[in-house]
Each structure stands twice: as structure tokens, then as C-alpha cells.
Amino acid sequence: MEIQHNEKSKELELTKKLAVLGWIMRKEYISMDEYSRIKRKLMNEYDIVSF
């Protein structure tokens, strides 16, 4: 049970970070290239593979 909770917590943390990152990009505080690089780095940190 603890492992599932911990994984869910990490998923929620990543989701929050990606949401904020998307908001920052939409507000044009960062470029699409910066967004992509940061997103890729976050996904790697959380061992998430995306297409």
C-alpha cells in the first residue's frame, strides 16, 4: 500500500510541475523550445516515457 501511495504522490507531483510549466509557456515567459527541454528533463527524472 505504501508503494502505491508513494507512486501516486510522485505522479501528482509531476502533474503539478507539468501544469505550471504549461502555464508558464502559455504566458510566453518561456519559449516552446525551453518548455520542451524542461518537460523532457522532468519526464526523465520521473522515469516517464512519452511519445
Protein backbone atom coordinates (compact mmCIF):
# COMPACT_ATOMS: atom_id res chain seq x y z
CA MET A 1 0.00 0.00 0.00
CA GLU A 2 2.83 2.39 0.85
CA ILE A 3 4.47 1.83 -2.53
CA GLN A 4 1.26 2.65 -4.39
CA HIS A 5 0.77 5.77 -2.30
CA ASN A 6 4.34 6.86 -2.95
CA GLU A 7 3.98 6.32 -6.71
CA LYS A 8 0.70 8.23 -6.77
CA SER A 9 2.35 11.03 -4.84
CA LYS A 10 5.18 11.20 -7.39
CA GLU A 11 2.68 11.18 -10.26
CA LEU A 12 0.76 14.02 -8.65
CA GLU A 13 3.97 15.97 -8.12
CA LEU A 14 4.94 15.55 -11.78
CA THR A 15 1.44 16.51 -12.91
CA LYS A 16 1.59 19.72 -10.89
CA LYS A 17 5.02 20.60 -12.27
CA LEU A 18 3.89 19.99 -15.85
CA ALA A 19 0.76 22.08 -15.30
CA VAL A 20 2.80 25.00 -14.00
CA LEU A 21 5.30 24.57 -16.81
CA GLY A 22 2.49 24.66 -19.36
CA TRP A 23 1.06 27.79 -17.76
CA ILE A 24 4.46 29.49 -17.88
CA MET A 25 4.82 28.60 -21.56
CA ARG A 26 1.30 29.78 -22.43
CA LYS A 27 2.04 33.11 -20.74
CA GLU A 28 5.08 33.27 -23.03
CA TYR A 29 7.55 33.55 -20.16
CA ILE A 30 9.49 30.72 -21.80
CA SER A 31 9.75 29.57 -25.40
CA MET A 32 8.40 26.33 -26.80
CA ASP A 33 11.98 25.03 -27.03
CA GLU A 34 12.58 25.79 -23.35
CA TYR A 35 9.27 24.16 -22.48
CA SER A 36 10.19 21.02 -24.42
CA ARG A 37 13.64 20.76 -22.83
CA ILE A 38 12.30 21.24 -19.30
CA LYS A 39 9.43 18.82 -19.88
CA ARG A 40 11.81 16.18 -21.24
CA LYS A 41 14.08 16.63 -18.21
CA LEU A 42 11.15 16.31 -15.79
CA MET A 43 9.85 13.23 -17.56
CA ASN A 44 13.31 11.65 -17.35
CA GLU A 45 13.57 12.47 -13.64
CA TYR A 46 10.28 10.67 -13.02
CA ASP A 47 11.09 7.80 -15.42
CA ILE A 48 8.13 8.59 -17.67
CA VAL A 49 8.30 7.80 -21.38
CA SER A 50 6.10 9.80 -23.71
CA PHE A 51 5.68 9.88 -27.46
